[in-house]
């Protein structure tokens, strides 16, 4: 745990180098033009407190009070705009400082001089902490994921605090330096009122960018301009010791005995009891099932999600196995664990089930309950369970179809069922060469490899286009797919390959769309997509 706390602190400390924090620095610096020597401390603590609290508890708060978390962002943007206005209008600043003095006196029980600036700085910091989304490395990504799934414990809080203190040190020094410059520099002091108004304008413009989500576009462009930061973060936080500690933090050593071993094994040894179906949001194609009911059957648990191209390429095998062996005591349970928010919608999953001819039961694991019970980490992932309810085989990703089917046959024979030993014949679409990796377009996992042109609203999971917006991507593959949620049933986009128009796409439902098919001619190309409507949301590119 000490090692993880150290690296969390180190990750926070280096955040000052991250492009994602740069848009906040002008506001922090501008806040230094007013207030006293305690204001930098107030700003820093405000950022740490609000960022930590909302990262760890936003999921609980939304569930408890049933509100749109975007409201907090709007309130924060309005607060920041007001603070910018106080820098431009002296009379407003006087009234604001008077109010802060009264509030701080009321809270502290005694008068506090307004010129110290701690309370005003704290309010500024609280607003910044709400709207700030740092470039997440493995450590922060784990904290955010545990917060989102309401799996916060004391250790998670400690790691978040360590990260927060790491962030706080350089921010405090930056804010303190600004205060010192404005108070000590004779040259700047002579133009303090002008500088203050200039920073007021900058603060208001930043607030407008935050309100319109354009700050996320700026962050993404900065990440594109400085891609080495992502590489640096992954190297810093990606060592084996940190990975092991993050695994413990996520409960990988406590939930399902033996599954850790499965990750490195493909034998038919006995790895312990399979977890029960818990926390299922909805069952499609079946009444709710239990492992106890399935005892006596060989069961394949298939983790998938309907926009995952790797999952889609495995489905012809899974559906064929089900049709071939279902009358011999074999059952498939598709566990649909969504990668994106829109994949939680039952109607979308039902459409995908029809599209891919899935006739076995599918459990919607919208809250990641089964995913966590299995300590799963992959889409797709297959867990094969024998007739006694024990996990005997696993495979992650594509490929090894014959090996998996032979394992099914072995367990059926073990249960006293006769099988012919032949394997199904399905065209293997698994890529044989190294392709461009899956590329995300939201701010949480975007890596800067995609060029955004025009007006974009960059959110956590997705980027939302405006009319005339353009995406450009260099890729090496045979096929290109894009996960899209349209605003209407007739959203359109023009597709260009190496500056040549190759077609026009119509996006009618939320799903994975095939944009490019080079008919086996894998190569290096430039893809450009020109969107013709407002509101088309794009999530991720995948390749085949």
Protein backbone atom coordinates (compact mmCIF):
# COMPACT_ATOMS: atom_id res chain seq x y z
CA UNK A 1 0.00 0.00 0.00
CA UNK A 2 2.91 2.35 0.78
CA UNK A 3 4.23 1.88 -2.75
CA UNK A 4 0.84 2.75 -4.26
CA UNK A 5 0.48 5.84 -2.05
CA UNK A 6 3.94 7.01 -3.12
CA UNK A 7 3.19 6.59 -6.82
CA UNK A 8 -0.24 8.23 -6.38
CA UNK A 9 1.49 11.22 -4.78
CA UNK A 10 4.10 11.23 -7.57
CA UNK A 11 1.37 11.04 -10.24
CA UNK A 12 -0.38 14.03 -8.66
CA UNK A 13 2.91 15.92 -8.40
CA UNK A 14 3.59 15.57 -12.13
CA UNK A 15 0.03 16.63 -13.07
CA UNK A 16 1.26 20.23 -13.36
CA UNK A 17 3.00 19.05 -16.55
CA UNK A 18 -0.27 17.71 -17.98
CA UNK A 19 -1.99 19.59 -20.81
CA UNK A 20 -5.34 18.96 -19.07
CA UNK A 21 -4.46 21.32 -16.22
CA UNK A 22 -3.09 24.17 -18.32
CA UNK A 23 -6.52 25.78 -19.03
CA UNK A 24 -6.92 26.24 -15.25
CA UNK A 25 -3.61 27.98 -14.70
CA UNK A 26 -4.74 31.42 -16.00
CA UNK A 27 -7.64 31.37 -13.50
CA UNK A 28 -5.34 30.38 -10.64
CA UNK A 29 -2.88 33.10 -11.62
CA UNK A 30 -5.60 35.71 -12.08
CA UNK A 31 -6.98 34.91 -8.62
CA UNK A 32 -3.60 35.98 -7.26
CA UNK A 33 -4.17 39.60 -8.32
CA UNK A 34 -6.52 40.14 -5.35
CA UNK A 35 -6.55 38.89 -1.78
CA UNK A 36 -3.81 38.30 0.75
CA UNK A 37 -1.07 35.81 1.48
CA UNK A 38 -3.52 33.06 2.50
CA UNK A 39 -5.40 33.03 -0.79
CA UNK A 40 -3.04 30.55 -2.57
CA UNK A 41 -3.60 28.08 0.26
CA UNK A 42 -7.37 28.58 -0.01
CA UNK A 43 -7.35 27.98 -3.77
CA UNK A 44 -5.21 24.84 -3.43
CA UNK A 45 -7.26 23.29 -0.63
CA UNK A 46 -10.50 24.13 -2.45
CA UNK A 47 -9.35 22.28 -5.57
CA UNK A 48 -8.14 19.25 -3.60
CA UNK A 49 -11.29 19.02 -1.45
CA UNK A 50 -13.88 19.40 -4.23
CA UNK A 51 -12.02 17.24 -6.76
CA UNK A 52 -11.49 14.43 -4.22
CA UNK A 53 -15.05 14.51 -2.88
CA UNK A 54 -16.73 14.54 -6.28
CA UNK A 55 -14.43 11.91 -7.78
CA UNK A 56 -15.15 9.52 -4.92
CA UNK A 57 -18.80 10.29 -4.21
CA UNK A 58 -20.51 11.70 -7.31
CA UNK A 59 -22.13 8.31 -8.04
CA UNK A 60 -23.56 8.17 -4.50
CA UNK A 61 -24.77 11.78 -4.68
CA UNK A 62 -26.55 11.27 -8.02
CA UNK A 63 -28.23 8.12 -6.72
CA UNK A 64 -29.24 9.83 -3.46
CA UNK A 65 -30.50 13.17 -4.81
CA UNK A 66 -31.41 12.21 -8.41
CA UNK A 67 -29.80 15.17 -10.21
CA UNK A 68 -27.87 15.70 -13.41
CA UNK A 69 -24.18 16.06 -12.41
CA UNK A 70 -23.74 18.54 -15.27
CA UNK A 71 -25.62 21.07 -13.08
CA UNK A 72 -22.55 21.24 -10.83
CA UNK A 73 -20.42 22.11 -13.82
CA UNK A 74 -22.80 24.90 -14.82
CA UNK A 75 -22.84 26.31 -11.27
CA UNK A 76 -19.04 26.20 -11.16
CA UNK A 77 -18.79 27.99 -14.53
CA UNK A 78 -21.18 30.73 -13.36
CA UNK A 79 -19.19 31.13 -10.13
CA UNK A 80 -15.92 31.48 -12.05
CA UNK A 81 -17.50 34.01 -14.44
CA UNK A 82 -18.70 36.03 -11.45
CA UNK A 83 -15.19 35.99 -9.96
CA UNK A 84 -13.85 37.27 -13.27
CA UNK A 85 -16.43 40.05 -13.23
CA UNK A 86 -15.29 41.16 -9.75
CA UNK A 87 -11.81 41.73 -11.19
CA UNK A 88 -13.23 44.09 -13.83
CA UNK A 89 -15.78 45.99 -11.70
CA UNK A 90 -14.16 47.40 -8.51
CA UNK A 91 -17.51 48.11 -6.81
CA UNK A 92 -18.54 44.48 -7.29
CA UNK A 93 -15.22 43.34 -5.82
CA UNK A 94 -15.79 45.45 -2.70
CA UNK A 95 -19.26 43.96 -2.17
CA UNK A 96 -17.95 40.44 -2.79
CA UNK A 97 -15.11 40.85 -0.27
CA UNK A 98 -17.58 42.25 2.25
CA UNK A 99 -19.82 39.20 1.79
CA UNK A 100 -16.86 36.84 2.14
CA UNK A 101 -15.78 38.59 5.34
CA UNK A 102 -19.27 38.18 6.82
CA UNK A 103 -19.46 34.51 5.77
CA UNK A 104 -16.02 33.67 7.11
CA UNK A 105 -16.82 35.49 10.35
CA UNK A 106 -20.08 33.55 10.67
CA UNK A 107 -18.40 30.19 10.00
CA UNK A 108 -15.32 30.85 12.11
CA UNK A 109 -17.15 32.56 14.94
CA UNK A 110 -14.92 35.63 14.83
CA UNK A 111 -14.15 38.41 12.32
CA UNK A 112 -11.57 37.49 9.69
CA UNK A 113 -9.88 40.17 7.67
CA UNK A 114 -10.98 39.94 4.07
CA UNK A 115 -7.55 40.81 2.77
CA UNK A 116 -6.20 37.46 3.95
CA UNK A 117 -8.25 35.98 1.11
CA UNK A 118 -8.36 32.36 2.33
CA UNK A 119 -12.14 31.95 2.18
CA UNK A 120 -12.46 33.64 -1.22
CA UNK A 121 -9.63 31.50 -2.55
CA UNK A 122 -11.30 28.40 -1.15
CA UNK A 123 -14.52 29.17 -3.05
CA UNK A 124 -12.52 29.65 -6.26
CA UNK A 125 -10.75 26.35 -5.63
CA UNK A 126 -14.02 24.52 -4.98
CA UNK A 127 -15.35 25.69 -8.35
CA UNK A 128 -12.17 24.70 -10.17
CA UNK A 129 -12.10 21.27 -8.53
CA UNK A 130 -15.61 20.50 -9.79
CA UNK A 131 -14.88 21.29 -13.44
CA UNK A 132 -11.28 20.02 -13.61
CA UNK A 133 -10.81 16.66 -15.32
CA UNK A 134 -7.15 15.61 -15.16
CA UNK A 135 -5.48 13.44 -17.80
CA UNK A 136 -6.13 10.12 -16.10
CA UNK A 137 -3.32 7.62 -15.78
CA UNK A 138 -3.84 4.08 -14.42
CA UNK A 139 -3.98 5.21 -10.76
CA UNK A 140 -6.55 7.99 -11.19
CA UNK A 141 -8.53 5.86 -13.66
CA UNK A 142 -8.84 3.14 -10.99
CA UNK A 143 -9.95 5.67 -8.34
CA UNK A 144 -12.56 7.12 -10.72
CA UNK A 145 -13.83 3.65 -11.70
CA UNK A 146 -14.21 2.57 -8.07
CA UNK A 147 -16.01 5.82 -7.30
CA UNK A 148 -18.34 5.36 -10.28
CA UNK A 149 -19.21 1.81 -9.22
CA UNK A 150 -19.68 2.82 -5.56
CA UNK A 151 -16.81 0.60 -4.41
CA UNK A 152 -14.99 3.20 -2.31
CA UNK A 153 -13.23 2.01 0.85
CA UNK A 154 -10.65 3.46 3.25
CA UNK A 155 -7.71 2.45 1.04
CA UNK A 156 -9.27 4.13 -2.01
CA UNK A 157 -9.76 7.32 0.02
CA UNK A 158 -6.09 7.23 1.12
CA UNK A 159 -4.90 6.88 -2.48
CA UNK A 160 -7.17 9.76 -3.57
CA UNK A 161 -5.79 11.93 -0.74
CA UNK A 162 -2.20 11.08 -1.70
CA UNK A 163 -2.95 12.02 -5.31
CA UNK A 164 -4.66 15.23 -4.18
CA UNK A 165 -1.71 16.32 -2.06
CA UNK A 166 0.61 15.62 -4.98
CA UNK A 167 -1.52 17.87 -7.18
CA UNK A 168 -1.74 20.52 -4.46
CA UNK A 169 1.97 21.19 -4.00
CA UNK A 170 2.77 22.54 -7.50
CA UNK A 171 -0.59 24.36 -7.67
CA UNK A 172 0.13 26.08 -4.34
CA UNK A 173 3.61 27.09 -5.50
CA UNK A 174 2.18 28.41 -8.78
CA UNK A 175 -0.52 30.42 -6.98
CA UNK A 176 1.91 31.64 -4.31
CA UNK A 177 4.37 32.77 -6.99
CA UNK A 178 1.58 34.77 -8.66
CA UNK A 179 0.64 36.45 -5.38
CA UNK A 180 4.29 37.25 -4.62
CA UNK A 181 4.83 38.75 -8.09
CA UNK A 182 1.79 41.01 -7.85
CA UNK A 183 2.74 42.19 -4.37
CA UNK A 184 6.52 42.56 -4.76
CA UNK A 185 7.15 43.49 -8.38
CA UNK A 186 7.25 47.27 -8.75
CA UNK A 187 6.68 47.08 -12.49
CA UNK A 188 3.57 44.92 -12.17
CA UNK A 189 2.35 46.87 -9.13
CA UNK A 190 2.26 50.04 -11.24
CA UNK A 191 -0.23 48.41 -13.60
CA UNK A 192 -2.10 46.23 -11.08
CA UNK A 193 -5.58 47.50 -11.99
CA UNK A 194 -4.99 46.96 -15.72
CA UNK A 195 -3.50 43.50 -15.17
CA UNK A 196 -6.40 42.64 -12.87
CA UNK A 197 -8.96 43.61 -15.53
CA UNK A 198 -7.06 41.66 -18.20
CA UNK A 199 -7.13 38.55 -16.03
CA UNK A 200 -10.80 39.21 -15.32
CA UNK A 201 -11.51 39.00 -19.06
CA UNK A 202 -9.41 35.81 -19.32
CA UNK A 203 -11.33 34.29 -16.40
CA UNK A 204 -14.71 35.10 -17.97
CA UNK A 205 -13.61 33.65 -21.32
CA UNK A 206 -12.44 30.51 -19.54
CA UNK A 207 -15.80 30.28 -17.75
CA UNK A 208 -17.60 30.52 -21.11
CA UNK A 209 -15.37 27.74 -22.47
CA UNK A 210 -16.22 25.60 -19.42
CA UNK A 211 -19.96 26.31 -19.77
CA UNK A 212 -19.92 25.33 -23.46
CA UNK A 213 -17.56 22.37 -22.87
CA UNK A 214 -15.06 23.96 -25.24
CA UNK A 215 -12.40 23.58 -22.53
CA UNK A 216 -12.45 19.85 -23.30
CA UNK A 217 -11.69 20.60 -26.96
CA UNK A 218 -8.75 22.71 -25.81
CA UNK A 219 -7.55 19.90 -23.54
CA UNK A 220 -7.78 17.36 -26.36
CA UNK A 221 -5.89 19.64 -28.75
CA UNK A 222 -3.19 20.15 -26.13
CA UNK A 223 -2.93 16.38 -25.68
CA UNK A 224 -2.57 16.04 -29.45
CA UNK A 225 0.19 18.66 -29.42
CA UNK A 226 1.98 17.02 -26.47
CA UNK A 227 1.36 13.25 -26.82
CA UNK A 228 4.48 12.37 -24.81
CA UNK A 229 2.67 13.16 -21.54
CA UNK A 230 0.37 10.13 -21.93
CA UNK A 231 3.38 7.90 -22.61
CA UNK A 232 5.19 9.36 -19.60
CA UNK A 233 2.18 8.80 -17.31
CA UNK A 234 1.71 5.20 -18.37
CA UNK A 235 5.41 4.47 -17.83
CA UNK A 236 5.40 6.15 -14.42
CA UNK A 237 2.28 4.38 -13.17
CA UNK A 238 2.43 1.20 -15.23
CA UNK A 239 5.11 -0.78 -13.38
CA UNK A 240 4.25 -4.27 -12.13
CA UNK A 241 4.20 -3.30 -8.44
CA UNK A 242 1.66 -0.53 -9.04
CA UNK A 243 -0.47 -2.84 -11.21
CA UNK A 244 -0.45 -5.45 -8.44
CA UNK A 245 -1.47 -2.88 -5.82
CA UNK A 246 -4.23 -1.50 -8.07
CA UNK A 247 -5.49 -5.06 -8.49
CA UNK A 248 -5.68 -5.45 -4.71
CA UNK A 249 -7.46 -2.08 -4.49
CA UNK A 250 -10.08 -3.37 -6.93
CA UNK A 251 -10.53 -6.50 -4.82
CA UNK A 252 -8.97 -8.96 -7.21
CA UNK A 253 -7.51 -11.02 -4.36
CA UNK A 254 -10.66 -11.28 -2.32
CA UNK A 255 -13.75 -11.87 -4.43
CA UNK A 256 -13.41 -15.18 -6.26
CA UNK A 257 -10.73 -17.62 -5.05
CA UNK A 258 -8.78 -19.14 -7.89
CA UNK A 259 -9.81 -16.78 -10.68
CA UNK A 260 -6.45 -15.00 -10.47
CA UNK A 261 -4.88 -18.31 -11.54
CA UNK A 262 -7.28 -18.62 -14.45
CA UNK A 263 -5.87 -15.48 -16.03
CA UNK A 264 -2.66 -17.40 -16.73
CA UNK A 265 -4.08 -20.84 -17.38
CA UNK A 266 -5.97 -22.61 -20.14
CA UNK A 267 -5.99 -26.11 -18.61
CA UNK A 268 -9.09 -27.90 -17.35
CA UNK A 269 -8.03 -27.87 -13.72
CA UNK A 270 -10.61 -27.03 -11.07
CA UNK A 271 -10.42 -23.35 -10.08
CA UNK A 272 -13.27 -23.22 -7.61
CA UNK A 273 -16.95 -22.35 -7.61
CA UNK A 274 -18.33 -19.97 -10.20
CA UNK A 275 -19.86 -16.79 -8.73
CA UNK A 276 -23.63 -16.53 -8.53
CA UNK A 277 -25.48 -14.11 -10.83
CA UNK A 278 -25.80 -10.93 -8.75
CA UNK A 279 -26.87 -7.38 -9.51
CA UNK A 280 -28.35 -8.18 -12.94
CA UNK A 281 -30.30 -5.21 -14.31
CA UNK A 282 -32.41 -7.26 -16.72
CA UNK A 283 -32.59 -10.69 -18.34
CA UNK A 284 -33.28 -10.91 -22.09
CA UNK A 285 -34.58 -14.13 -23.60
CA UNK A 286 -34.99 -15.89 -20.28
CA UNK A 287 -36.39 -15.65 -16.78
CA UNK A 288 -33.78 -14.77 -14.12
CA UNK A 289 -31.38 -17.70 -13.76
CA UNK A 290 -29.14 -18.91 -10.95
CA UNK A 291 -26.04 -21.09 -10.98
CA UNK A 292 -27.92 -23.56 -8.78
CA UNK A 293 -30.60 -23.94 -11.48
CA UNK A 294 -27.90 -24.56 -14.09
CA UNK A 295 -26.21 -27.30 -12.09
CA UNK A 296 -25.88 -30.38 -14.28
CA UNK A 297 -25.21 -28.28 -17.39
CA UNK A 298 -21.92 -27.15 -18.87
CA UNK A 299 -22.16 -23.35 -18.94
CA UNK A 300 -20.21 -20.81 -20.98
CA UNK A 301 -20.21 -17.30 -19.48
CA UNK A 302 -19.47 -14.86 -22.32
CA UNK A 303 -18.69 -11.25 -21.33
CA UNK A 304 -19.40 -8.94 -24.26
CA UNK A 305 -20.76 -5.57 -25.28
CA UNK A 306 -22.50 -4.91 -28.56
CA UNK A 307 -20.21 -2.18 -29.92
CA UNK A 308 -17.00 -4.13 -29.23
CA UNK A 309 -15.68 -5.32 -32.60
CA UNK A 310 -13.57 -8.02 -30.91
CA UNK A 311 -16.73 -9.34 -29.23
CA UNK A 312 -18.69 -9.21 -32.47
CA UNK A 313 -16.08 -11.30 -34.29
CA UNK A 314 -16.43 -14.07 -31.67
CA UNK A 315 -20.24 -14.23 -31.79
CA UNK A 316 -20.53 -16.56 -34.84
CA UNK A 317 -18.57 -19.17 -32.87
CA UNK A 318 -20.51 -18.70 -29.64
CA UNK A 319 -23.90 -18.90 -31.38
CA UNK A 320 -22.75 -21.97 -33.36
CA UNK A 321 -21.58 -23.73 -30.20
CA UNK A 322 -24.91 -23.04 -28.54
CA UNK A 323 -26.92 -24.40 -31.47
CA UNK A 324 -24.69 -27.49 -31.73
CA UNK A 325 -24.57 -28.47 -28.05
CA UNK A 326 -27.70 -26.99 -26.43
CA UNK A 327 -29.50 -30.35 -26.58
CA UNK A 328 -26.53 -32.09 -24.94
CA UNK A 329 -26.63 -30.17 -21.66
CA UNK A 330 -24.79 -27.04 -22.77
CA UNK A 331 -25.85 -23.46 -21.97
CA UNK A 332 -24.44 -20.06 -22.92
CA UNK A 333 -25.10 -16.99 -20.77
CA UNK A 334 -24.15 -13.76 -22.49
CA UNK A 335 -23.20 -11.19 -19.86
CA UNK A 336 -23.60 -7.80 -21.50
CA UNK A 337 -21.42 -5.39 -19.51
CA UNK A 338 -21.61 -1.96 -21.20
CA UNK A 339 -18.51 0.03 -22.03
CA UNK A 340 -20.51 3.20 -22.79
CA UNK A 341 -23.54 4.71 -21.09
CA UNK A 342 -25.90 4.27 -24.07
CA UNK A 343 -25.16 0.53 -24.11
CA UNK A 344 -27.15 0.19 -20.89
CA UNK A 345 -30.39 0.75 -22.80
CA UNK A 346 -32.30 -2.54 -23.08
CA UNK A 347 -33.77 -1.64 -26.48
CA UNK A 348 -30.28 -1.20 -27.96
CA UNK A 349 -29.12 -4.55 -26.57
CA UNK A 350 -32.25 -6.28 -27.90
CA UNK A 351 -31.59 -4.85 -31.38
CA UNK A 352 -28.03 -6.19 -31.24
CA UNK A 353 -29.25 -9.61 -30.12
CA UNK A 354 -31.51 -9.79 -33.19
CA UNK A 355 -28.78 -8.49 -35.49
CA UNK A 356 -26.28 -11.17 -34.41
CA UNK A 357 -28.83 -14.01 -34.18
CA UNK A 358 -28.28 -14.63 -30.47
CA UNK A 359 -30.83 -17.11 -29.10
CA UNK A 360 -29.27 -17.87 -25.70
CA UNK A 361 -30.08 -15.83 -22.54
CA UNK A 362 -28.38 -12.47 -22.10
CA UNK A 363 -27.96 -10.81 -18.70
CA UNK A 364 -27.56 -7.03 -18.62
CA UNK A 365 -24.73 -6.33 -16.18
CA UNK A 366 -25.19 -2.54 -16.20
CA UNK A 367 -23.68 -2.08 -12.73
CA UNK A 368 -20.64 -4.32 -13.38
CA UNK A 369 -21.74 -6.66 -10.58
CA UNK A 370 -20.95 -9.91 -12.44
CA UNK A 371 -17.88 -8.32 -14.02
CA UNK A 372 -16.51 -7.58 -10.55
CA UNK A 373 -17.58 -10.94 -9.12
CA UNK A 374 -15.42 -12.63 -11.77
CA UNK A 375 -12.67 -10.00 -11.45
CA UNK A 376 -12.94 -9.73 -15.20
CA UNK A 377 -10.86 -7.20 -17.13
CA UNK A 378 -11.59 -7.91 -20.79
CA UNK A 379 -14.10 -7.74 -23.64
CA UNK A 380 -14.63 -10.46 -24.79
CA UNK A 381 -13.97 -12.95 -21.98
CA UNK A 382 -15.13 -16.55 -21.72
CA UNK A 383 -15.44 -18.64 -18.54
CA UNK A 384 -16.36 -22.32 -18.96
CA UNK A 385 -18.12 -23.95 -16.01
CA UNK A 386 -18.59 -27.69 -15.52
CA UNK A 387 -21.77 -29.54 -14.53
CA UNK A 388 -20.86 -29.19 -10.84
CA UNK A 389 -20.61 -25.40 -11.01
CA UNK A 390 -16.81 -25.12 -11.03
CA UNK A 391 -14.75 -22.90 -13.34
CA UNK A 392 -12.58 -25.13 -15.52
CA UNK A 393 -11.40 -23.04 -18.48
CA UNK A 394 -11.10 -19.43 -19.59
CA UNK A 395 -10.07 -17.43 -22.63
CA UNK A 396 -9.72 -13.67 -23.11
CA UNK A 397 -9.97 -11.86 -26.43
CA UNK A 398 -10.34 -13.43 -29.85
CA UNK A 399 -8.90 -16.67 -31.23
CA UNK A 400 -8.33 -20.17 -29.80
CA UNK A 401 -11.79 -21.21 -30.99
CA UNK A 402 -10.88 -24.85 -31.56
CA UNK A 403 -9.25 -25.05 -28.12
CA UNK A 404 -12.36 -23.55 -26.50
CA UNK A 405 -14.70 -25.94 -28.30
CA UNK A 406 -12.52 -28.92 -27.34
CA UNK A 407 -12.81 -27.75 -23.71
CA UNK A 408 -16.62 -27.66 -24.10
CA UNK A 409 -16.56 -31.19 -25.51
CA UNK A 410 -14.31 -32.44 -22.70
CA UNK A 411 -16.64 -31.11 -20.00
CA UNK A 412 -19.72 -32.51 -21.75
CA UNK A 413 -18.07 -35.94 -21.92
CA UNK A 414 -17.09 -35.60 -18.28
CA UNK A 415 -20.80 -35.03 -17.54
CA UNK A 416 -21.70 -38.23 -19.40
CA UNK A 417 -22.80 -36.64 -22.70
CA UNK A 418 -21.73 -38.02 -26.06
CA UNK A 419 -20.11 -35.66 -28.58
CA UNK A 420 -18.64 -36.40 -32.00
CA UNK A 421 -15.35 -34.54 -31.50
CA UNK A 422 -15.77 -32.39 -34.61
CA UNK A 423 -15.52 -28.61 -34.38
CA UNK A 424 -17.75 -26.03 -36.04
CA UNK A 425 -16.54 -24.46 -39.28
CA UNK A 426 -16.73 -20.68 -39.09
CA UNK A 427 -14.59 -18.18 -40.97
CA UNK A 428 -12.03 -16.80 -38.50
CA UNK A 429 -12.07 -13.01 -38.84
CA UNK A 430 -9.38 -12.41 -36.20
CA UNK A 431 -6.77 -10.02 -37.69
CA UNK A 432 -3.43 -11.73 -38.35
CA UNK A 433 -1.37 -8.53 -38.44
CA UNK A 434 -0.92 -5.72 -35.92
CA UNK A 435 -3.53 -3.02 -36.59
CA UNK A 436 -4.15 0.46 -35.25
CA UNK A 437 -5.43 -0.05 -31.67
CA UNK A 438 -8.91 0.91 -30.50
CA UNK A 439 -9.07 4.70 -30.37
CA UNK A 440 -11.39 6.51 -27.93
CA UNK A 441 -12.83 9.96 -28.60
CA UNK A 442 -14.00 11.08 -25.13
CA UNK A 443 -11.77 13.11 -22.84
CA UNK A 444 -11.27 10.32 -20.30
CA UNK A 445 -9.48 7.93 -22.63
CA UNK A 446 -8.66 10.02 -25.69
CA UNK A 447 -4.97 9.75 -26.59
CA UNK A 448 -4.65 12.68 -28.99
CA UNK A 449 -4.28 10.53 -32.13
CA UNK A 450 -7.49 11.90 -33.71
CA UNK A 451 -7.70 15.40 -35.15
CA UNK A 452 -10.87 17.36 -34.35
CA UNK A 453 -11.81 20.20 -36.69
CA UNK A 454 -14.72 22.58 -36.34
CA UNK A 455 -16.99 22.85 -33.31
CA UNK A 456 -16.96 19.85 -30.95
CA UNK A 457 -18.38 19.17 -27.50
CA UNK A 458 -15.89 16.77 -25.88
CA UNK A 459 -17.48 14.85 -22.98
CA UNK A 460 -16.18 12.04 -20.77
CA UNK A 461 -17.11 9.14 -23.06
CA UNK A 462 -17.96 10.79 -26.36
CA UNK A 463 -17.39 13.71 -28.68
CA UNK A 464 -20.51 15.44 -30.02
CA UNK A 465 -20.30 16.95 -33.50
CA UNK A 466 -21.85 20.12 -34.85
CA UNK A 467 -22.84 20.67 -38.47
CA UNK A 468 -19.61 20.84 -40.48
CA UNK A 469 -17.44 19.20 -37.80
CA UNK A 470 -14.65 16.96 -39.08
CA UNK A 471 -12.73 13.97 -37.70
CA UNK A 472 -9.39 12.96 -39.21
CA UNK A 473 -7.49 9.79 -38.35
CA UNK A 474 -4.46 8.00 -39.73
CA UNK A 475 -4.86 4.22 -39.48
CA UNK A 476 -3.36 0.90 -40.53
CA UNK A 477 -6.09 -1.70 -41.06
CA UNK A 478 -8.42 -3.41 -43.52
CA UNK A 479 -11.67 -2.24 -41.93
CA UNK A 480 -12.60 0.79 -39.83
CA UNK A 481 -15.57 0.88 -37.46
CA UNK A 482 -17.03 3.74 -35.43
CA UNK A 483 -19.34 3.64 -32.40
CA UNK A 484 -22.06 6.26 -32.99
CA UNK A 485 -25.18 7.52 -31.23
CA UNK A 486 -27.17 9.70 -33.66
CA UNK A 487 -29.27 12.68 -32.65
CA UNK A 488 -31.96 11.66 -35.16
CA UNK A 489 -32.68 8.59 -37.27
CA UNK A 490 -31.23 10.34 -40.32
CA UNK A 491 -27.86 11.69 -39.17
CA UNK A 492 -25.47 11.79 -42.11
CA UNK A 493 -21.74 12.02 -42.66
CA UNK A 494 -19.46 11.95 -45.70
CA UNK A 495 -16.57 9.49 -45.61
CA UNK A 496 -13.26 10.35 -47.29
CA UNK A 497 -10.29 8.01 -47.70
CA UNK A 498 -7.01 9.70 -48.63
CA UNK A 499 -8.99 12.82 -49.64
CA UNK A 500 -11.31 10.85 -51.96
CA UNK A 501 -15.04 10.62 -51.22
CA UNK A 502 -15.90 6.92 -50.82
CA UNK A 503 -19.46 7.19 -49.56
CA UNK A 504 -22.04 8.71 -47.27
CA UNK A 505 -23.16 7.08 -44.03
CA UNK A 506 -26.61 7.30 -42.47
CA UNK A 507 -26.60 6.83 -38.70
CA UNK A 508 -30.06 5.75 -37.54
CA UNK A 509 -29.49 3.91 -34.24
CA UNK A 510 -26.81 3.73 -31.55
CA UNK A 511 -24.40 1.00 -32.64
CA UNK A 512 -21.06 0.14 -34.24
CA UNK A 513 -20.89 1.24 -37.91
CA UNK A 514 -18.49 -0.05 -40.57
CA UNK A 515 -17.02 2.97 -42.37
CA UNK A 516 -14.25 1.44 -44.47
CA UNK A 517 -13.72 -2.00 -46.02
CA UNK A 518 -10.55 -2.36 -48.10
CA UNK A 519 -11.44 -5.94 -49.13
CA UNK A 520 -8.35 -7.47 -47.55
CA UNK A 521 -5.92 -4.79 -48.75
CA UNK A 522 -4.52 -3.76 -45.38
CA UNK A 523 -2.68 -0.45 -45.58
CA UNK A 524 -1.80 2.92 -44.13
CA UNK A 525 -4.49 5.53 -44.93
CA UNK A 526 -6.03 8.84 -43.85
CA UNK A 527 -9.73 8.77 -42.93
CA UNK A 528 -11.81 11.95 -42.85
CA UNK A 529 -15.42 12.15 -41.68
CA UNK A 530 -17.52 15.27 -42.32
CA UNK A 531 -20.69 15.47 -40.22
CA UNK A 532 -23.80 17.10 -41.68
CA UNK A 533 -25.97 17.53 -38.53
CA UNK A 534 -25.68 18.81 -34.99
CA UNK A 535 -25.63 16.29 -32.17
CA UNK A 536 -24.05 13.16 -33.68
CA UNK A 537 -22.10 11.54 -30.81
CA UNK A 538 -19.02 9.43 -31.59
CA UNK A 539 -17.34 7.21 -29.01
CA UNK A 540 -14.52 5.06 -30.39
CA UNK A 541 -12.83 3.76 -33.54
CA UNK A 542 -12.08 0.05 -33.82
CA UNK A 543 -10.26 -1.75 -36.60
CA UNK A 544 -10.30 -5.06 -38.42
